[in-house]
């Protein structure tokens, strides 16, 4: 399993709108083959900062299956205008446990 991690800095004053759009976008990512689960968490110290954790069966399920899909175009349209700066996305695998 692969864990996708993205720290999302949402433009000031747009957190409520972002969370609403994210609820809609969640169905898009969940429809992709190889998707396992995801969660969005809000930072307590910096309320307009979020962390997105997505579990994929393989790296390619995210980098090819999702990113080259129609659903990703919709995801991008719904969410990418909220970010400043644009997030860095990294992928992790279990090292221990």
N, C-alpha and C. Protein backbone atom coordinates (compact mmCIF):
# COMPACT_ATOMS: atom_id res chain seq x y z
N UNK A 1 0.84 -1.18 0.00
CA UNK A 1 0.00 0.00 0.00
C UNK A 1 0.89 1.25 0.00
N UNK A 2 0.43 2.28 -0.68
CA UNK A 2 1.14 3.55 -0.79
C UNK A 2 0.30 4.63 -0.10
N UNK A 3 0.97 5.48 0.66
CA UNK A 3 0.31 6.60 1.31
C UNK A 3 0.73 7.89 0.61
N UNK A 4 -0.23 8.56 0.03
CA UNK A 4 -0.02 9.88 -0.57
C UNK A 4 -0.23 10.92 0.52
N UNK A 5 0.69 11.87 0.64
CA UNK A 5 0.60 12.91 1.65
C UNK A 5 0.74 14.27 0.98
N UNK A 6 -0.23 15.14 1.24
CA UNK A 6 -0.18 16.50 0.70
C UNK A 6 -0.57 17.47 1.79
N UNK A 7 0.26 18.49 2.00
CA UNK A 7 -0.08 19.57 2.92
C UNK A 7 -0.71 20.67 2.08
N UNK A 8 -1.94 21.02 2.43
CA UNK A 8 -2.73 21.96 1.65
C UNK A 8 -2.89 23.26 2.42
N UNK A 9 -2.33 24.33 1.90
CA UNK A 9 -2.51 25.65 2.47
C UNK A 9 -3.59 26.36 1.67
N UNK A 10 -4.73 26.57 2.31
CA UNK A 10 -5.89 27.17 1.66
C UNK A 10 -5.85 28.68 1.85
N UNK A 11 -6.18 29.40 0.81
CA UNK A 11 -6.19 30.86 0.87
C UNK A 11 -7.07 31.34 2.02
N UNK A 12 -6.62 32.37 2.68
CA UNK A 12 -7.31 32.92 3.85
C UNK A 12 -8.77 33.23 3.54
N UNK A 13 -9.65 32.82 4.44
CA UNK A 13 -11.07 33.09 4.32
C UNK A 13 -11.84 32.12 3.46
N UNK A 14 -11.16 31.12 2.89
CA UNK A 14 -11.84 30.20 1.97
C UNK A 14 -11.98 28.78 2.53
N UNK A 15 -11.67 28.58 3.80
CA UNK A 15 -11.69 27.23 4.37
C UNK A 15 -13.06 26.57 4.28
N UNK A 16 -14.12 27.30 4.59
CA UNK A 16 -15.46 26.73 4.54
C UNK A 16 -15.82 26.31 3.12
N UNK A 17 -15.52 27.16 2.15
CA UNK A 17 -15.78 26.83 0.75
C UNK A 17 -14.93 25.64 0.30
N UNK A 18 -13.68 25.60 0.74
CA UNK A 18 -12.80 24.49 0.41
C UNK A 18 -13.36 23.18 0.95
N UNK A 19 -13.76 23.17 2.20
CA UNK A 19 -14.28 21.94 2.81
C UNK A 19 -15.53 21.46 2.08
N UNK A 20 -16.37 22.38 1.67
CA UNK A 20 -17.57 22.01 0.93
C UNK A 20 -17.21 21.40 -0.42
N UNK A 21 -16.28 22.03 -1.14
CA UNK A 21 -15.84 21.51 -2.44
C UNK A 21 -15.14 20.16 -2.27
N UNK A 22 -14.41 20.01 -1.17
CA UNK A 22 -13.71 18.75 -0.93
C UNK A 22 -14.70 17.60 -0.75
N UNK A 23 -15.82 17.86 -0.10
CA UNK A 23 -16.84 16.81 0.06
C UNK A 23 -17.31 16.32 -1.31
N UNK A 24 -17.51 17.21 -2.22
CA UNK A 24 -17.91 16.84 -3.58
C UNK A 24 -16.78 16.07 -4.27
N UNK A 25 -15.56 16.57 -4.15
CA UNK A 25 -14.40 15.96 -4.81
C UNK A 25 -14.08 14.57 -4.27
N UNK A 26 -14.45 14.31 -3.03
CA UNK A 26 -14.15 13.01 -2.42
C UNK A 26 -14.73 11.85 -3.20
N UNK A 27 -15.91 12.03 -3.76
CA UNK A 27 -16.53 10.95 -4.54
C UNK A 27 -15.73 10.67 -5.81
N UNK A 28 -15.08 11.68 -6.35
CA UNK A 28 -14.29 11.50 -7.57
C UNK A 28 -13.08 10.61 -7.33
N UNK A 29 -12.35 10.88 -6.27
CA UNK A 29 -11.14 10.10 -6.01
C UNK A 29 -11.50 8.68 -5.57
N UNK A 30 -12.60 8.54 -4.86
CA UNK A 30 -13.01 7.23 -4.37
C UNK A 30 -13.41 6.29 -5.50
N UNK A 31 -13.70 6.82 -6.67
CA UNK A 31 -14.14 6.01 -7.80
C UNK A 31 -12.98 5.42 -8.61
N UNK A 32 -11.75 5.77 -8.27
CA UNK A 32 -10.59 5.37 -9.06
C UNK A 32 -10.12 3.97 -8.66
N UNK A 33 -9.88 3.08 -9.62
CA UNK A 33 -9.33 1.76 -9.29
C UNK A 33 -8.01 1.89 -8.53
N UNK A 34 -7.86 1.10 -7.49
CA UNK A 34 -6.66 1.14 -6.66
C UNK A 34 -6.77 2.07 -5.47
N UNK A 35 -7.81 2.89 -5.43
CA UNK A 35 -8.05 3.76 -4.27
C UNK A 35 -8.44 2.88 -3.08
N UNK A 36 -7.90 3.19 -1.91
CA UNK A 36 -8.23 2.44 -0.69
C UNK A 36 -9.03 3.29 0.29
N UNK A 37 -8.53 4.49 0.60
CA UNK A 37 -9.22 5.37 1.56
C UNK A 37 -8.55 6.73 1.54
N UNK A 38 -9.21 7.71 2.14
CA UNK A 38 -8.59 9.03 2.29
C UNK A 38 -9.17 9.74 3.50
N UNK A 39 -8.42 10.71 3.95
CA UNK A 39 -8.89 11.57 5.04
C UNK A 39 -8.28 12.95 4.88
N UNK A 40 -9.03 13.93 5.32
CA UNK A 40 -8.58 15.32 5.31
C UNK A 40 -8.62 15.80 6.74
N UNK A 41 -7.50 16.32 7.23
CA UNK A 41 -7.44 16.82 8.60
C UNK A 41 -7.04 18.28 8.59
N UNK A 42 -7.67 19.06 9.48
CA UNK A 42 -7.40 20.49 9.62
C UNK A 42 -6.39 20.70 10.74
N UNK A 43 -5.43 21.57 10.50
CA UNK A 43 -4.40 21.89 11.49
C UNK A 43 -5.00 22.75 12.61
N UNK A 44 -4.69 22.42 13.84
CA UNK A 44 -5.19 23.19 14.98
C UNK A 44 -4.46 24.53 15.13
N UNK A 45 -3.17 24.53 14.85
CA UNK A 45 -2.39 25.75 15.02
C UNK A 45 -2.56 26.73 13.86
N UNK A 46 -2.80 26.21 12.68
CA UNK A 46 -2.95 27.05 11.48
C UNK A 46 -4.25 26.61 10.79
N UNK A 47 -5.38 27.23 11.12
CA UNK A 47 -6.69 26.73 10.67
C UNK A 47 -6.89 26.64 9.16
N UNK A 48 -6.13 27.36 8.37
CA UNK A 48 -6.31 27.25 6.92
C UNK A 48 -5.35 26.23 6.29
N UNK A 49 -4.68 25.43 7.14
CA UNK A 49 -3.78 24.38 6.66
C UNK A 49 -4.43 23.02 6.92
N UNK A 50 -4.34 22.17 5.91
CA UNK A 50 -4.90 20.82 5.98
C UNK A 50 -3.83 19.82 5.57
N UNK A 51 -4.03 18.58 5.98
CA UNK A 51 -3.21 17.49 5.46
C UNK A 51 -4.17 16.48 4.83
N UNK A 52 -3.84 16.09 3.61
CA UNK A 52 -4.62 15.10 2.89
C UNK A 52 -3.81 13.81 2.86
N UNK A 53 -4.42 12.74 3.32
CA UNK A 53 -3.80 11.42 3.32
C UNK A 53 -4.66 10.50 2.46
N UNK A 54 -4.06 9.94 1.42
CA UNK A 54 -4.79 9.04 0.53
C UNK A 54 -4.02 7.73 0.45
N UNK A 55 -4.71 6.65 0.64
CA UNK A 55 -4.10 5.33 0.54
C UNK A 55 -4.46 4.72 -0.81
N UNK A 56 -3.40 4.27 -1.51
CA UNK A 56 -3.54 3.67 -2.83
C UNK A 56 -2.96 2.27 -2.80
N UNK A 57 -3.47 1.42 -3.64
CA UNK A 57 -2.91 0.06 -3.75
C UNK A 57 -1.48 0.13 -4.29
N UNK A 58 -1.26 0.93 -5.36
CA UNK A 58 0.08 1.09 -5.94
C UNK A 58 0.32 2.57 -6.23
N UNK A 59 1.57 2.92 -6.42
CA UNK A 59 1.93 4.28 -6.79
C UNK A 59 1.27 4.67 -8.11
N UNK A 60 1.27 3.75 -9.06
CA UNK A 60 0.70 4.02 -10.38
C UNK A 60 -0.81 4.26 -10.34
N UNK A 61 -1.48 3.68 -9.34
CA UNK A 61 -2.92 3.96 -9.20
C UNK A 61 -3.16 5.45 -9.01
N UNK A 62 -2.23 6.13 -8.34
CA UNK A 62 -2.35 7.57 -8.16
C UNK A 62 -1.76 8.33 -9.34
N UNK A 63 -0.49 8.06 -9.64
CA UNK A 63 0.22 8.88 -10.62
C UNK A 63 -0.26 8.71 -12.05
N UNK A 64 -0.79 7.54 -12.36
CA UNK A 64 -1.31 7.31 -13.71
C UNK A 64 -2.83 7.18 -13.68
N UNK A 65 -3.33 6.24 -12.88
CA UNK A 65 -4.76 5.98 -12.85
C UNK A 65 -5.61 7.18 -12.50
N UNK A 66 -5.21 7.93 -11.47
CA UNK A 66 -5.97 9.11 -11.07
C UNK A 66 -5.57 10.34 -11.86
N UNK A 67 -4.29 10.63 -11.88
CA UNK A 67 -3.83 11.87 -12.49
C UNK A 67 -4.08 11.97 -13.99
N UNK A 68 -4.29 10.85 -14.65
CA UNK A 68 -4.57 10.89 -16.09
C UNK A 68 -6.05 10.62 -16.39
N UNK A 69 -6.89 10.76 -15.36
CA UNK A 69 -8.31 10.44 -15.52
C UNK A 69 -9.17 11.70 -15.69
N UNK A 70 -10.37 11.48 -16.19
CA UNK A 70 -11.37 12.54 -16.26
C UNK A 70 -11.70 13.04 -14.85
N UNK A 71 -11.74 12.13 -13.89
CA UNK A 71 -12.05 12.50 -12.50
C UNK A 71 -11.03 13.49 -11.95
N UNK A 72 -9.76 13.31 -12.32
CA UNK A 72 -8.74 14.26 -11.86
C UNK A 72 -8.99 15.65 -12.42
N UNK A 73 -9.44 15.75 -13.66
CA UNK A 73 -9.74 17.06 -14.24
C UNK A 73 -10.84 17.76 -13.43
N UNK A 74 -11.83 17.00 -13.03
CA UNK A 74 -12.91 17.53 -12.19
C UNK A 74 -12.38 17.92 -10.81
N UNK A 75 -11.56 17.06 -10.22
CA UNK A 75 -10.93 17.31 -8.91
C UNK A 75 -10.15 18.62 -8.96
N UNK A 76 -9.35 18.75 -10.01
CA UNK A 76 -8.54 19.96 -10.19
C UNK A 76 -9.42 21.20 -10.29
N UNK A 77 -10.48 21.11 -11.05
CA UNK A 77 -11.39 22.24 -11.23
C UNK A 77 -12.07 22.63 -9.91
N UNK A 78 -12.40 21.64 -9.10
CA UNK A 78 -13.07 21.91 -7.82
C UNK A 78 -12.13 22.48 -6.76
N UNK A 79 -10.86 22.04 -6.76
CA UNK A 79 -10.00 22.31 -5.59
C UNK A 79 -8.76 23.16 -5.82
N UNK A 80 -8.14 23.09 -6.97
CA UNK A 80 -6.82 23.69 -7.11
C UNK A 80 -6.78 25.21 -6.94
N UNK A 81 -7.86 25.89 -7.19
CA UNK A 81 -7.86 27.35 -7.04
C UNK A 81 -7.85 27.80 -5.58
N UNK A 82 -8.04 26.88 -4.64
CA UNK A 82 -8.01 27.22 -3.22
C UNK A 82 -6.60 27.31 -2.64
N UNK A 83 -5.60 26.72 -3.31
CA UNK A 83 -4.28 26.55 -2.71
C UNK A 83 -3.33 27.71 -2.98
N UNK A 84 -2.59 28.08 -1.94
CA UNK A 84 -1.52 29.06 -2.06
C UNK A 84 -0.53 28.84 -0.93
N UNK A 85 0.64 28.30 -1.25
CA UNK A 85 1.13 27.88 -2.57
C UNK A 85 0.53 26.53 -2.95
N UNK A 86 0.80 26.13 -4.20
CA UNK A 86 0.33 24.84 -4.65
C UNK A 86 1.05 23.75 -3.86
N UNK A 87 0.34 22.73 -3.40
CA UNK A 87 0.94 21.73 -2.51
C UNK A 87 1.95 20.81 -3.21
N UNK A 88 2.89 20.37 -2.41
CA UNK A 88 3.80 19.31 -2.81
C UNK A 88 3.17 18.00 -2.36
N UNK A 89 3.18 17.03 -3.23
CA UNK A 89 2.61 15.71 -2.94
C UNK A 89 3.76 14.71 -2.87
N UNK A 90 3.76 13.92 -1.79
CA UNK A 90 4.79 12.90 -1.64
C UNK A 90 4.09 11.56 -1.39
N UNK A 91 4.84 10.49 -1.65
CA UNK A 91 4.31 9.15 -1.49
C UNK A 91 5.21 8.37 -0.52
N UNK A 92 4.57 7.59 0.33
CA UNK A 92 5.28 6.83 1.36
C UNK A 92 4.86 5.37 1.33
N UNK A 93 5.79 4.53 1.78
CA UNK A 93 5.48 3.12 1.97
C UNK A 93 5.91 2.72 3.37
N UNK A 94 5.33 1.66 3.88
CA UNK A 94 5.62 1.23 5.25
C UNK A 94 7.08 0.78 5.34
N UNK A 95 7.78 1.32 6.31
CA UNK A 95 9.17 0.94 6.55
C UNK A 95 9.26 -0.03 7.74
N UNK A 96 8.30 0.07 8.64
CA UNK A 96 8.29 -0.78 9.82
C UNK A 96 6.87 -0.86 10.34
N UNK A 97 6.47 -2.05 10.75
CA UNK A 97 5.17 -2.19 11.43
C UNK A 97 4.14 -2.92 10.66
